[in-house]
N, C-alpha and C. Protein backbone atom coordinates (compact mmCIF):
# COMPACT_ATOMS: atom_id res chain seq x y z
N MET A 1 0.82 -1.18 0.00
CA MET A 1 0.00 0.00 0.00
C MET A 1 0.87 1.24 0.00
N ASN A 2 0.33 2.30 -0.51
CA ASN A 2 1.04 3.56 -0.62
C ASN A 2 1.23 4.19 0.74
N SER A 3 2.36 4.82 0.97
CA SER A 3 2.64 5.46 2.25
C SER A 3 1.77 6.68 2.48
N ASN A 4 1.05 7.14 1.45
CA ASN A 4 0.16 8.29 1.61
C ASN A 4 -1.20 7.88 2.19
N THR A 5 -1.39 6.59 2.46
CA THR A 5 -2.64 6.16 3.05
C THR A 5 -2.83 6.87 4.38
N SER A 6 -3.95 7.57 4.53
CA SER A 6 -4.21 8.34 5.73
C SER A 6 -4.58 7.43 6.88
N PRO A 7 -4.18 7.78 8.13
CA PRO A 7 -4.58 6.98 9.27
C PRO A 7 -6.02 7.25 9.66
N GLN A 8 -6.79 7.91 8.82
CA GLN A 8 -8.19 8.17 9.09
C GLN A 8 -9.00 7.63 7.93
N ALA A 9 -10.04 6.94 8.24
CA ALA A 9 -10.88 6.35 7.21
C ALA A 9 -12.14 7.18 7.03
N TYR A 10 -12.56 7.34 5.79
CA TYR A 10 -13.83 8.00 5.52
C TYR A 10 -14.88 6.92 5.37
N LEU A 11 -15.90 6.99 6.18
CA LEU A 11 -16.97 6.01 6.13
C LEU A 11 -18.28 6.73 5.93
N ARG A 12 -19.17 6.10 5.17
CA ARG A 12 -20.49 6.70 4.96
C ARG A 12 -21.46 6.14 5.98
N VAL A 13 -22.01 7.02 6.79
CA VAL A 13 -23.00 6.67 7.79
C VAL A 13 -24.21 7.56 7.56
N ARG A 14 -25.35 6.93 7.24
CA ARG A 14 -26.58 7.66 6.93
C ARG A 14 -26.36 8.74 5.89
N GLY A 15 -25.61 8.38 4.83
CA GLY A 15 -25.42 9.28 3.70
C GLY A 15 -24.38 10.36 3.91
N LYS A 16 -23.85 10.47 5.13
CA LYS A 16 -22.86 11.51 5.40
C LYS A 16 -21.47 10.88 5.45
N ARG A 17 -20.52 11.62 4.90
CA ARG A 17 -19.15 11.15 4.92
C ARG A 17 -18.51 11.58 6.23
N LYS A 18 -18.21 10.61 7.09
CA LYS A 18 -17.67 10.92 8.40
C LYS A 18 -16.19 10.55 8.45
N LYS A 19 -15.40 11.45 8.99
CA LYS A 19 -13.99 11.18 9.15
C LYS A 19 -13.74 10.75 10.58
N MET A 20 -13.18 9.57 10.73
CA MET A 20 -12.88 9.10 12.07
C MET A 20 -11.60 8.29 12.05
N LYS A 21 -10.92 8.33 13.14
CA LYS A 21 -9.66 7.63 13.26
C LYS A 21 -9.92 6.20 13.71
N LEU A 22 -9.54 5.26 12.89
CA LEU A 22 -9.72 3.85 13.20
C LEU A 22 -8.33 3.23 13.30
N GLN A 23 -7.60 3.66 14.31
CA GLN A 23 -6.21 3.26 14.45
C GLN A 23 -5.91 2.86 15.88
N GLY A 24 -5.14 1.79 16.01
CA GLY A 24 -4.70 1.34 17.32
C GLY A 24 -3.20 1.51 17.44
N LYS A 25 -2.64 0.80 18.40
CA LYS A 25 -1.19 0.89 18.64
C LYS A 25 -0.39 0.30 17.48
N HIS A 26 -0.88 -0.80 16.93
CA HIS A 26 -0.12 -1.51 15.89
C HIS A 26 -0.78 -1.50 14.52
N ILE A 27 -2.09 -1.34 14.48
CA ILE A 27 -2.79 -1.47 13.20
C ILE A 27 -3.70 -0.28 12.92
N LEU A 28 -4.07 -0.21 11.65
CA LEU A 28 -4.97 0.82 11.13
C LEU A 28 -6.06 0.11 10.33
N LEU A 29 -7.30 0.48 10.54
CA LEU A 29 -8.40 -0.01 9.72
C LEU A 29 -8.71 1.07 8.70
N ARG A 30 -8.81 0.69 7.44
CA ARG A 30 -9.05 1.67 6.38
C ARG A 30 -10.03 1.11 5.36
N ALA A 31 -10.59 2.03 4.59
CA ALA A 31 -11.52 1.64 3.52
C ALA A 31 -10.77 0.90 2.42
N ILE A 32 -11.51 0.10 1.66
CA ILE A 32 -10.94 -0.62 0.52
C ILE A 32 -10.58 0.37 -0.58
N GLU A 33 -9.45 0.13 -1.24
CA GLU A 33 -8.98 0.94 -2.37
C GLU A 33 -8.88 0.05 -3.62
N PRO A 34 -8.96 0.64 -4.81
CA PRO A 34 -8.79 -0.15 -6.04
C PRO A 34 -7.50 -0.96 -6.07
N ALA A 35 -6.46 -0.44 -5.43
CA ALA A 35 -5.17 -1.14 -5.42
C ALA A 35 -5.21 -2.44 -4.63
N ASP A 36 -6.29 -2.68 -3.88
CA ASP A 36 -6.42 -3.91 -3.08
C ASP A 36 -6.91 -5.10 -3.90
N ILE A 37 -7.18 -4.92 -5.16
CA ILE A 37 -7.79 -5.97 -5.98
C ILE A 37 -7.00 -7.28 -5.95
N ASP A 38 -5.68 -7.20 -6.09
CA ASP A 38 -4.89 -8.44 -6.16
C ASP A 38 -4.88 -9.21 -4.84
N VAL A 39 -4.77 -8.47 -3.74
CA VAL A 39 -4.75 -9.15 -2.44
C VAL A 39 -6.13 -9.73 -2.12
N LEU A 40 -7.19 -9.02 -2.47
CA LEU A 40 -8.54 -9.56 -2.27
C LEU A 40 -8.77 -10.80 -3.13
N TYR A 41 -8.29 -10.75 -4.36
CA TYR A 41 -8.42 -11.90 -5.27
C TYR A 41 -7.74 -13.14 -4.66
N LYS A 42 -6.57 -12.92 -4.10
CA LYS A 42 -5.83 -14.02 -3.48
C LYS A 42 -6.59 -14.57 -2.26
N TRP A 43 -7.05 -13.68 -1.39
CA TRP A 43 -7.73 -14.13 -0.17
C TRP A 43 -9.06 -14.79 -0.48
N GLU A 44 -9.86 -14.19 -1.36
CA GLU A 44 -11.20 -14.71 -1.64
C GLU A 44 -11.16 -16.04 -2.39
N ASN A 45 -10.04 -16.36 -3.02
CA ASN A 45 -9.92 -17.61 -3.76
C ASN A 45 -9.05 -18.64 -3.05
N ASP A 46 -8.73 -18.38 -1.79
CA ASP A 46 -7.98 -19.33 -0.97
C ASP A 46 -8.98 -20.31 -0.35
N THR A 47 -8.93 -21.56 -0.77
CA THR A 47 -9.92 -22.53 -0.30
C THR A 47 -9.85 -22.78 1.21
N GLU A 48 -8.72 -22.50 1.83
CA GLU A 48 -8.63 -22.61 3.29
C GLU A 48 -9.53 -21.57 3.95
N THR A 49 -9.59 -20.38 3.36
CA THR A 49 -10.44 -19.31 3.89
C THR A 49 -11.91 -19.64 3.67
N TRP A 50 -12.21 -20.35 2.61
CA TRP A 50 -13.60 -20.72 2.31
C TRP A 50 -14.24 -21.48 3.47
N LYS A 51 -13.44 -22.26 4.19
CA LYS A 51 -13.98 -23.07 5.28
C LYS A 51 -14.60 -22.22 6.39
N VAL A 52 -14.10 -21.01 6.59
CA VAL A 52 -14.63 -20.15 7.65
C VAL A 52 -15.53 -19.04 7.13
N SER A 53 -15.59 -18.89 5.81
CA SER A 53 -16.40 -17.80 5.24
C SER A 53 -17.64 -18.30 4.51
N ASN A 54 -17.85 -19.61 4.52
CA ASN A 54 -19.00 -20.22 3.83
C ASN A 54 -19.02 -19.89 2.34
N THR A 55 -17.85 -19.72 1.74
CA THR A 55 -17.75 -19.48 0.31
C THR A 55 -17.77 -20.83 -0.42
N GLN A 56 -18.44 -20.86 -1.55
CA GLN A 56 -18.58 -22.11 -2.31
C GLN A 56 -17.87 -22.07 -3.67
N THR A 57 -17.72 -20.86 -4.24
CA THR A 57 -17.16 -20.75 -5.58
C THR A 57 -16.12 -19.64 -5.64
N PRO A 58 -15.21 -19.71 -6.61
CA PRO A 58 -14.19 -18.67 -6.76
C PRO A 58 -14.79 -17.32 -7.16
N PHE A 59 -14.05 -16.25 -6.86
CA PHE A 59 -14.42 -14.90 -7.27
C PHE A 59 -13.53 -14.47 -8.43
N SER A 60 -14.12 -13.85 -9.44
CA SER A 60 -13.33 -13.33 -10.57
C SER A 60 -12.83 -11.92 -10.25
N HIS A 61 -11.82 -11.49 -11.01
CA HIS A 61 -11.36 -10.10 -10.89
C HIS A 61 -12.51 -9.14 -11.16
N PHE A 62 -13.32 -9.46 -12.15
CA PHE A 62 -14.43 -8.60 -12.53
C PHE A 62 -15.41 -8.39 -11.36
N VAL A 63 -15.79 -9.48 -10.71
CA VAL A 63 -16.72 -9.38 -9.58
C VAL A 63 -16.11 -8.56 -8.45
N LEU A 64 -14.84 -8.80 -8.16
CA LEU A 64 -14.18 -8.06 -7.09
C LEU A 64 -14.01 -6.58 -7.44
N GLU A 65 -13.75 -6.27 -8.69
CA GLU A 65 -13.67 -4.87 -9.13
C GLU A 65 -15.01 -4.17 -8.90
N GLN A 66 -16.11 -4.86 -9.21
CA GLN A 66 -17.44 -4.27 -8.97
C GLN A 66 -17.68 -4.06 -7.48
N TYR A 67 -17.26 -5.03 -6.69
CA TYR A 67 -17.42 -4.92 -5.23
C TYR A 67 -16.65 -3.71 -4.70
N ILE A 68 -15.39 -3.56 -5.15
CA ILE A 68 -14.57 -2.44 -4.71
C ILE A 68 -15.19 -1.11 -5.15
N ALA A 69 -15.70 -1.09 -6.38
CA ALA A 69 -16.30 0.14 -6.91
C ALA A 69 -17.52 0.58 -6.10
N SER A 70 -18.20 -0.38 -5.47
CA SER A 70 -19.39 -0.02 -4.69
C SER A 70 -19.11 0.06 -3.19
N ALA A 71 -17.86 -0.17 -2.79
CA ALA A 71 -17.52 -0.23 -1.37
C ALA A 71 -17.69 1.10 -0.65
N HIS A 72 -17.75 2.20 -1.39
CA HIS A 72 -17.90 3.52 -0.78
C HIS A 72 -19.34 3.79 -0.34
N GLN A 73 -20.27 2.93 -0.72
CA GLN A 73 -21.68 3.17 -0.43
C GLN A 73 -21.97 3.09 1.07
N ASP A 74 -23.02 3.76 1.47
CA ASP A 74 -23.48 3.83 2.84
C ASP A 74 -23.79 2.44 3.39
N ILE A 75 -23.34 2.15 4.60
CA ILE A 75 -23.61 0.86 5.23
C ILE A 75 -25.11 0.61 5.39
N TYR A 76 -25.90 1.68 5.47
CA TYR A 76 -27.35 1.54 5.60
C TYR A 76 -27.97 1.05 4.29
N SER A 77 -27.27 1.26 3.19
CA SER A 77 -27.76 0.77 1.89
C SER A 77 -27.26 -0.63 1.59
N THR A 78 -25.98 -0.87 1.83
CA THR A 78 -25.37 -2.15 1.45
C THR A 78 -25.51 -3.23 2.52
N LYS A 79 -25.73 -2.81 3.76
CA LYS A 79 -25.87 -3.73 4.91
C LYS A 79 -24.57 -4.47 5.22
N GLN A 80 -23.45 -3.95 4.72
CA GLN A 80 -22.16 -4.56 5.01
C GLN A 80 -21.06 -3.52 4.94
N LEU A 81 -19.92 -3.86 5.56
CA LEU A 81 -18.75 -2.98 5.54
C LEU A 81 -17.51 -3.84 5.67
N ARG A 82 -16.57 -3.63 4.78
CA ARG A 82 -15.27 -4.29 4.90
C ARG A 82 -14.21 -3.22 5.08
N LEU A 83 -13.36 -3.43 6.06
CA LEU A 83 -12.21 -2.56 6.30
C LEU A 83 -10.95 -3.40 6.21
N MET A 84 -9.93 -2.83 5.58
CA MET A 84 -8.65 -3.51 5.46
C MET A 84 -7.84 -3.26 6.73
N ILE A 85 -7.06 -4.25 7.12
CA ILE A 85 -6.20 -4.13 8.30
C ILE A 85 -4.77 -3.92 7.83
N ASP A 86 -4.22 -2.75 8.14
CA ASP A 86 -2.84 -2.43 7.78
C ASP A 86 -2.00 -2.33 9.05
N LEU A 87 -0.75 -2.81 8.97
CA LEU A 87 0.20 -2.52 10.03
C LEU A 87 0.51 -1.04 9.98
N ASN A 88 0.64 -0.40 11.14
CA ASN A 88 0.97 1.02 11.17
C ASN A 88 2.28 1.28 10.45
N LEU A 89 2.36 2.43 9.79
CA LEU A 89 3.52 2.77 8.96
C LEU A 89 4.83 2.69 9.72
N ASP A 90 4.86 3.19 10.95
CA ASP A 90 6.13 3.24 11.68
C ASP A 90 6.59 1.86 12.14
N LEU A 91 5.70 0.85 12.08
CA LEU A 91 6.08 -0.49 12.47
C LEU A 91 6.37 -1.39 11.27
N SER A 92 6.11 -0.89 10.08
CA SER A 92 6.30 -1.69 8.88
C SER A 92 7.78 -1.85 8.58
N SER A 93 8.14 -3.02 8.11
CA SER A 93 9.54 -3.27 7.77
C SER A 93 9.84 -2.93 6.33
N LYS A 94 8.89 -2.31 5.62
CA LYS A 94 9.08 -2.07 4.19
C LYS A 94 9.44 -0.61 3.90
N GLY A 95 10.01 0.08 4.87
CA GLY A 95 10.54 1.43 4.65
C GLY A 95 9.55 2.42 4.07
N GLY A 96 8.57 2.83 4.86
CA GLY A 96 7.67 3.87 4.40
C GLY A 96 6.39 3.38 3.78
N GLU A 97 6.23 2.08 3.58
CA GLU A 97 4.99 1.56 3.04
C GLU A 97 4.28 0.74 4.11
N SER A 98 2.95 0.83 4.12
CA SER A 98 2.20 0.01 5.05
C SER A 98 2.04 -1.40 4.48
N GLN A 99 1.69 -2.31 5.33
CA GLN A 99 1.51 -3.70 4.91
C GLN A 99 0.10 -4.13 5.26
N THR A 100 -0.67 -4.54 4.26
CA THR A 100 -2.02 -5.01 4.48
C THR A 100 -1.96 -6.48 4.87
N ILE A 101 -2.50 -6.79 6.06
CA ILE A 101 -2.38 -8.15 6.59
C ILE A 101 -3.71 -8.88 6.71
N GLY A 102 -4.82 -8.17 6.47
CA GLY A 102 -6.11 -8.84 6.59
C GLY A 102 -7.26 -7.87 6.42
N CYS A 103 -8.43 -8.31 6.84
CA CYS A 103 -9.62 -7.47 6.75
C CYS A 103 -10.58 -7.85 7.88
N ILE A 104 -11.48 -6.93 8.17
CA ILE A 104 -12.50 -7.15 9.18
C ILE A 104 -13.82 -6.69 8.60
N ASP A 105 -14.86 -7.50 8.76
CA ASP A 105 -16.13 -7.26 8.10
C ASP A 105 -17.28 -7.10 9.09
N LEU A 106 -18.21 -6.23 8.72
CA LEU A 106 -19.55 -6.23 9.29
C LEU A 106 -20.47 -6.76 8.21
N PHE A 107 -21.39 -7.64 8.56
CA PHE A 107 -22.32 -8.19 7.58
C PHE A 107 -23.70 -8.30 8.23
N ASP A 108 -24.71 -8.48 7.40
CA ASP A 108 -26.10 -8.56 7.89
C ASP A 108 -26.43 -7.40 8.82
N PHE A 109 -25.94 -6.22 8.46
CA PHE A 109 -26.20 -5.02 9.25
C PHE A 109 -27.71 -4.76 9.29
N ASP A 110 -28.25 -4.69 10.49
CA ASP A 110 -29.70 -4.53 10.68
C ASP A 110 -29.96 -3.28 11.52
N PRO A 111 -30.16 -2.12 10.87
CA PRO A 111 -30.35 -0.88 11.63
C PRO A 111 -31.67 -0.83 12.38
N SER A 112 -32.61 -1.68 12.02
CA SER A 112 -33.89 -1.71 12.72
C SER A 112 -33.74 -2.37 14.09
N ASN A 113 -33.03 -3.49 14.11
CA ASN A 113 -32.80 -4.21 15.37
C ASN A 113 -31.44 -3.90 15.99
N LEU A 114 -30.71 -2.98 15.37
CA LEU A 114 -29.43 -2.49 15.89
C LEU A 114 -28.43 -3.61 16.15
N ARG A 115 -28.21 -4.43 15.11
CA ARG A 115 -27.24 -5.51 15.25
C ARG A 115 -26.51 -5.74 13.93
N ALA A 116 -25.37 -6.45 14.02
CA ALA A 116 -24.60 -6.83 12.84
C ALA A 116 -23.73 -8.02 13.18
N GLY A 117 -23.43 -8.81 12.14
CA GLY A 117 -22.46 -9.88 12.28
C GLY A 117 -21.07 -9.31 12.07
N ILE A 118 -20.08 -9.99 12.61
CA ILE A 118 -18.70 -9.52 12.50
C ILE A 118 -17.78 -10.70 12.23
N GLY A 119 -16.79 -10.48 11.37
CA GLY A 119 -15.80 -11.51 11.07
C GLY A 119 -14.46 -10.87 10.79
N VAL A 120 -13.40 -11.58 11.08
CA VAL A 120 -12.05 -11.03 10.89
C VAL A 120 -11.14 -12.07 10.25
N LEU A 121 -10.25 -11.60 9.38
CA LEU A 121 -9.27 -12.47 8.72
C LEU A 121 -7.89 -11.85 8.83
N ILE A 122 -6.95 -12.60 9.37
CA ILE A 122 -5.53 -12.29 9.25
C ILE A 122 -5.01 -13.33 8.27
N ALA A 123 -4.65 -12.89 7.07
CA ALA A 123 -4.45 -13.81 5.95
C ALA A 123 -3.25 -14.73 6.10
N ASP A 124 -2.10 -14.18 6.43
CA ASP A 124 -0.87 -14.97 6.49
C ASP A 124 -0.69 -15.55 7.88
N LYS A 125 -0.42 -16.84 7.94
CA LYS A 125 -0.24 -17.50 9.23
C LYS A 125 0.87 -16.88 10.06
N THR A 126 1.88 -16.30 9.42
CA THR A 126 3.00 -15.69 10.16
C THR A 126 2.57 -14.41 10.87
N ASP A 127 1.44 -13.82 10.46
CA ASP A 127 0.94 -12.60 11.11
C ASP A 127 -0.09 -12.90 12.20
N ARG A 128 -0.44 -14.17 12.37
CA ARG A 128 -1.42 -14.54 13.39
C ARG A 128 -0.76 -14.69 14.76
N ARG A 129 -1.60 -14.65 15.79
CA ARG A 129 -1.16 -14.80 17.18
C ARG A 129 -0.19 -13.69 17.60
N LYS A 130 -0.35 -12.51 17.00
CA LYS A 130 0.45 -11.35 17.37
C LYS A 130 -0.42 -10.21 17.92
N GLY A 131 -1.70 -10.49 18.08
CA GLY A 131 -2.61 -9.50 18.65
C GLY A 131 -3.26 -8.57 17.65
N TYR A 132 -2.97 -8.76 16.35
CA TYR A 132 -3.53 -7.84 15.34
C TYR A 132 -5.05 -8.01 15.19
N ALA A 133 -5.53 -9.24 15.18
CA ALA A 133 -6.98 -9.47 15.07
C ALA A 133 -7.69 -8.92 16.30
N SER A 134 -7.08 -9.10 17.46
CA SER A 134 -7.67 -8.59 18.70
C SER A 134 -7.77 -7.07 18.68
N GLU A 135 -6.73 -6.43 18.21
CA GLU A 135 -6.73 -4.97 18.14
C GLU A 135 -7.77 -4.46 17.13
N ALA A 136 -7.85 -5.14 15.99
CA ALA A 136 -8.84 -4.75 14.97
C ALA A 136 -10.25 -4.91 15.51
N LEU A 137 -10.49 -6.01 16.22
CA LEU A 137 -11.80 -6.26 16.80
C LEU A 137 -12.16 -5.20 17.83
N GLU A 138 -11.21 -4.84 18.65
CA GLU A 138 -11.45 -3.80 19.67
C GLU A 138 -11.85 -2.47 19.02
N ILE A 139 -11.14 -2.09 17.96
CA ILE A 139 -11.44 -0.82 17.27
C ILE A 139 -12.82 -0.87 16.63
N LEU A 140 -13.15 -1.99 15.97
CA LEU A 140 -14.43 -2.07 15.28
C LEU A 140 -15.60 -2.16 16.26
N ILE A 141 -15.42 -2.83 17.38
CA ILE A 141 -16.48 -2.86 18.41
C ILE A 141 -16.78 -1.45 18.89
N GLU A 142 -15.75 -0.69 19.15
CA GLU A 142 -15.92 0.71 19.58
C GLU A 142 -16.70 1.51 18.53
N TYR A 143 -16.34 1.33 17.26
CA TYR A 143 -17.02 2.02 16.17
C TYR A 143 -18.50 1.60 16.11
N CYS A 144 -18.74 0.30 16.23
CA CYS A 144 -20.12 -0.20 16.14
C CYS A 144 -21.00 0.32 17.27
N PHE A 145 -20.49 0.34 18.48
CA PHE A 145 -21.30 0.72 19.63
C PHE A 145 -21.41 2.24 19.81
N HIS A 146 -20.40 2.98 19.37
CA HIS A 146 -20.41 4.41 19.65
C HIS A 146 -20.62 5.30 18.43
N THR A 147 -20.48 4.75 17.23
CA THR A 147 -20.78 5.53 16.02
C THR A 147 -22.05 5.02 15.36
N LEU A 148 -22.15 3.71 15.18
CA LEU A 148 -23.36 3.14 14.59
C LEU A 148 -24.46 2.93 15.63
N ASN A 149 -24.10 3.06 16.91
CA ASN A 149 -25.05 2.90 18.02
C ASN A 149 -25.77 1.55 18.00
N LEU A 150 -25.02 0.50 17.66
CA LEU A 150 -25.60 -0.84 17.65
C LEU A 150 -25.84 -1.34 19.08
N HIS A 151 -26.81 -2.21 19.20
CA HIS A 151 -27.14 -2.83 20.49
C HIS A 151 -26.36 -4.13 20.69
N GLN A 152 -26.08 -4.82 19.57
CA GLN A 152 -25.33 -6.06 19.71
C GLN A 152 -24.58 -6.44 18.44
N LEU A 153 -23.54 -7.24 18.64
CA LEU A 153 -22.75 -7.84 17.57
C LEU A 153 -22.79 -9.35 17.78
N TYR A 154 -22.65 -10.08 16.68
CA TYR A 154 -22.62 -11.54 16.81
C TYR A 154 -21.63 -12.12 15.80
N CYS A 155 -21.23 -13.35 16.04
CA CYS A 155 -20.37 -14.06 15.09
C CYS A 155 -20.71 -15.53 15.14
N ASN A 156 -20.34 -16.24 14.09
CA ASN A 156 -20.56 -17.68 13.97
C ASN A 156 -19.20 -18.35 13.79
N ILE A 157 -18.89 -19.29 14.67
CA ILE A 157 -17.57 -19.93 14.65
C ILE A 157 -17.74 -21.43 14.87
N THR A 158 -17.10 -22.24 14.03
CA THR A 158 -17.18 -23.69 14.24
C THR A 158 -16.49 -24.07 15.55
N THR A 159 -16.98 -25.13 16.16
CA THR A 159 -16.50 -25.52 17.48
C THR A 159 -15.02 -25.90 17.49
N ASP A 160 -14.49 -26.30 16.34
CA ASP A 160 -13.08 -26.69 16.30
C ASP A 160 -12.13 -25.51 16.13
N ASN A 161 -12.67 -24.31 15.91
CA ASN A 161 -11.83 -23.10 15.73
C ASN A 161 -11.65 -22.43 17.10
N GLU A 162 -10.90 -23.10 17.96
CA GLU A 162 -10.77 -22.67 19.35
C GLU A 162 -10.11 -21.30 19.48
N SER A 163 -9.13 -20.98 18.63
CA SER A 163 -8.45 -19.70 18.75
C SER A 163 -9.40 -18.54 18.46
N SER A 164 -10.31 -18.72 17.49
CA SER A 164 -11.28 -17.67 17.19
C SER A 164 -12.31 -17.52 18.30
N VAL A 165 -12.74 -18.64 18.86
CA VAL A 165 -13.69 -18.58 19.98
C VAL A 165 -13.07 -17.81 21.14
N LEU A 166 -11.82 -18.12 21.46
CA LEU A 166 -11.12 -17.43 22.56
C LEU A 166 -10.93 -15.95 22.26
N LEU A 167 -10.63 -15.61 20.99
CA LEU A 167 -10.46 -14.21 20.60
C LEU A 167 -11.73 -13.43 20.88
N PHE A 168 -12.88 -13.93 20.43
CA PHE A 168 -14.13 -13.20 20.62
C PHE A 168 -14.55 -13.19 22.09
N GLN A 169 -14.31 -14.27 22.81
CA GLN A 169 -14.63 -14.29 24.24
C GLN A 169 -13.79 -13.26 25.00
N LYS A 170 -12.56 -13.07 24.59
CA LYS A 170 -11.69 -12.07 25.21
C LYS A 170 -12.31 -10.67 25.11
N HIS A 171 -13.10 -10.45 24.06
CA HIS A 171 -13.72 -9.14 23.85
C HIS A 171 -15.18 -9.10 24.29
N GLY A 172 -15.54 -10.01 25.17
CA GLY A 172 -16.85 -9.95 25.80
C GLY A 172 -17.97 -10.67 25.07
N PHE A 173 -17.66 -11.42 24.02
CA PHE A 173 -18.69 -12.21 23.34
C PHE A 173 -18.96 -13.46 24.17
N GLN A 174 -20.23 -13.85 24.24
CA GLN A 174 -20.61 -15.04 24.98
C GLN A 174 -21.25 -16.05 24.04
N ILE A 175 -20.97 -17.32 24.29
CA ILE A 175 -21.61 -18.39 23.52
C ILE A 175 -23.06 -18.46 23.95
N THR A 176 -23.97 -18.25 23.01
CA THR A 176 -25.40 -18.25 23.34
C THR A 176 -26.16 -19.37 22.62
N GLY A 177 -25.49 -20.09 21.76
CA GLY A 177 -26.17 -21.17 21.06
C GLY A 177 -25.22 -22.02 20.27
N ILE A 178 -25.72 -23.17 19.85
CA ILE A 178 -24.93 -24.07 19.02
C ILE A 178 -25.85 -24.63 17.93
N LYS A 179 -25.34 -24.60 16.71
CA LYS A 179 -26.06 -25.15 15.57
C LYS A 179 -25.42 -26.50 15.24
N LYS A 180 -26.14 -27.55 15.47
CA LYS A 180 -25.60 -28.90 15.33
C LYS A 180 -25.43 -29.27 13.85
N GLN A 181 -24.28 -29.88 13.54
CA GLN A 181 -23.97 -30.36 12.19
C GLN A 181 -24.33 -29.30 11.14
N TRP A 182 -23.86 -28.10 11.35
CA TRP A 182 -24.26 -26.92 10.56
C TRP A 182 -23.41 -26.71 9.32
N ILE A 183 -22.11 -27.03 9.41
CA ILE A 183 -21.17 -26.75 8.32
C ILE A 183 -20.61 -28.07 7.79
N ARG A 184 -20.77 -28.28 6.49
CA ARG A 184 -20.21 -29.49 5.88
C ARG A 184 -18.76 -29.27 5.54
N ASP A 185 -17.92 -30.21 5.95
CA ASP A 185 -16.48 -30.18 5.66
C ASP A 185 -16.10 -31.55 5.11
N GLY A 186 -16.08 -31.63 3.77
CA GLY A 186 -15.84 -32.92 3.14
C GLY A 186 -17.03 -33.84 3.36
N ASP A 187 -16.77 -35.01 3.95
CA ASP A 187 -17.87 -35.94 4.20
C ASP A 187 -18.35 -35.88 5.65
N LYS A 188 -17.92 -34.84 6.39
CA LYS A 188 -18.33 -34.69 7.79
C LYS A 188 -19.05 -33.35 7.97
N PHE A 189 -19.73 -33.23 9.10
CA PHE A 189 -20.40 -31.98 9.45
C PHE A 189 -19.85 -31.46 10.77
N LYS A 190 -19.72 -30.13 10.85
CA LYS A 190 -19.22 -29.48 12.06
C LYS A 190 -20.34 -28.69 12.73
N ASP A 191 -20.27 -28.66 14.06
CA ASP A 191 -21.17 -27.80 14.81
C ASP A 191 -20.65 -26.37 14.75
N GLU A 192 -21.57 -25.41 14.78
CA GLU A 192 -21.19 -23.99 14.74
C GLU A 192 -21.77 -23.27 15.95
N LEU A 193 -20.93 -22.47 16.61
CA LEU A 193 -21.35 -21.70 17.77
C LEU A 193 -21.86 -20.34 17.34
N LEU A 194 -22.85 -19.84 18.06
CA LEU A 194 -23.30 -18.47 17.94
C LEU A 194 -22.78 -17.73 19.16
N LEU A 195 -22.03 -16.66 18.93
CA LEU A 195 -21.54 -15.82 20.01
C LEU A 195 -22.12 -14.42 19.86
N GLN A 196 -22.52 -13.80 20.97
CA GLN A 196 -23.10 -12.46 20.94
C GLN A 196 -22.41 -11.58 21.97
N LYS A 197 -22.31 -10.31 21.60
CA LYS A 197 -21.87 -9.28 22.55
C LYS A 197 -22.96 -8.23 22.57
N ILE A 198 -23.60 -8.10 23.73
CA ILE A 198 -24.70 -7.15 23.88
C ILE A 198 -24.21 -5.96 24.67
N ARG A 199 -24.50 -4.79 24.15
CA ARG A 199 -24.01 -3.54 24.75
C ARG A 199 -24.63 -3.29 26.12
C-alpha cells in the first residue's frame, strides 16, 4: 500500500461522509482501495479461507472490481462494511509503506434491530497470534457501539476453531447457542457456535 494512506478512514454513515480515526497501537483499519484488488483476489480464492467464510465458488477479478467500486456506499444501503487491516507505517519493515495483513467485516447489518455480524481475517499464518486481530476487533467494536449505536454484535464460529472462539470471548462475546452439524467439511459436518456481545 502507498505510504500516503491516511490513518483516518472516511466512512459513509446515513449518507454523510464521516472522518474518524480507526487506528490502534499496531494497526490501522481503512476503507478498501482499487489497489487492493490483487490481495482480495488471493484471499477470496484461498480454499482454506472458504472453510470459515462459507464461500462455495471462486471470485473473478471482474466481480471483485465491482465490489470495490461499490464499497464507498453507505452501510445503511449495502448492509455490510469491509475494512482492510494495515500494520501502522512506523512499524512496517518495508521502509515507508504500510503492509495489508487482513480485513474485518460487518455483515447482515440490521439498523432496525441495531445488530450486525462480524468476522475477521488475518491472511498470512505468520501474522497470526500477534494481537492484530484482537486490536482490529477492539477498534471495530468501539465504532459499532459508539458511532453506529448498535445494540449487539454476533459471530458464527465452528466448534473446532478454538483460537477464534477465545479471541471473541476475550472481547466480551458469549456463547449463546450451538447449531448442530451446521457446516459441511468434506464428508463430515461441524457444529457452529453463535456468540453475541450485547451492549
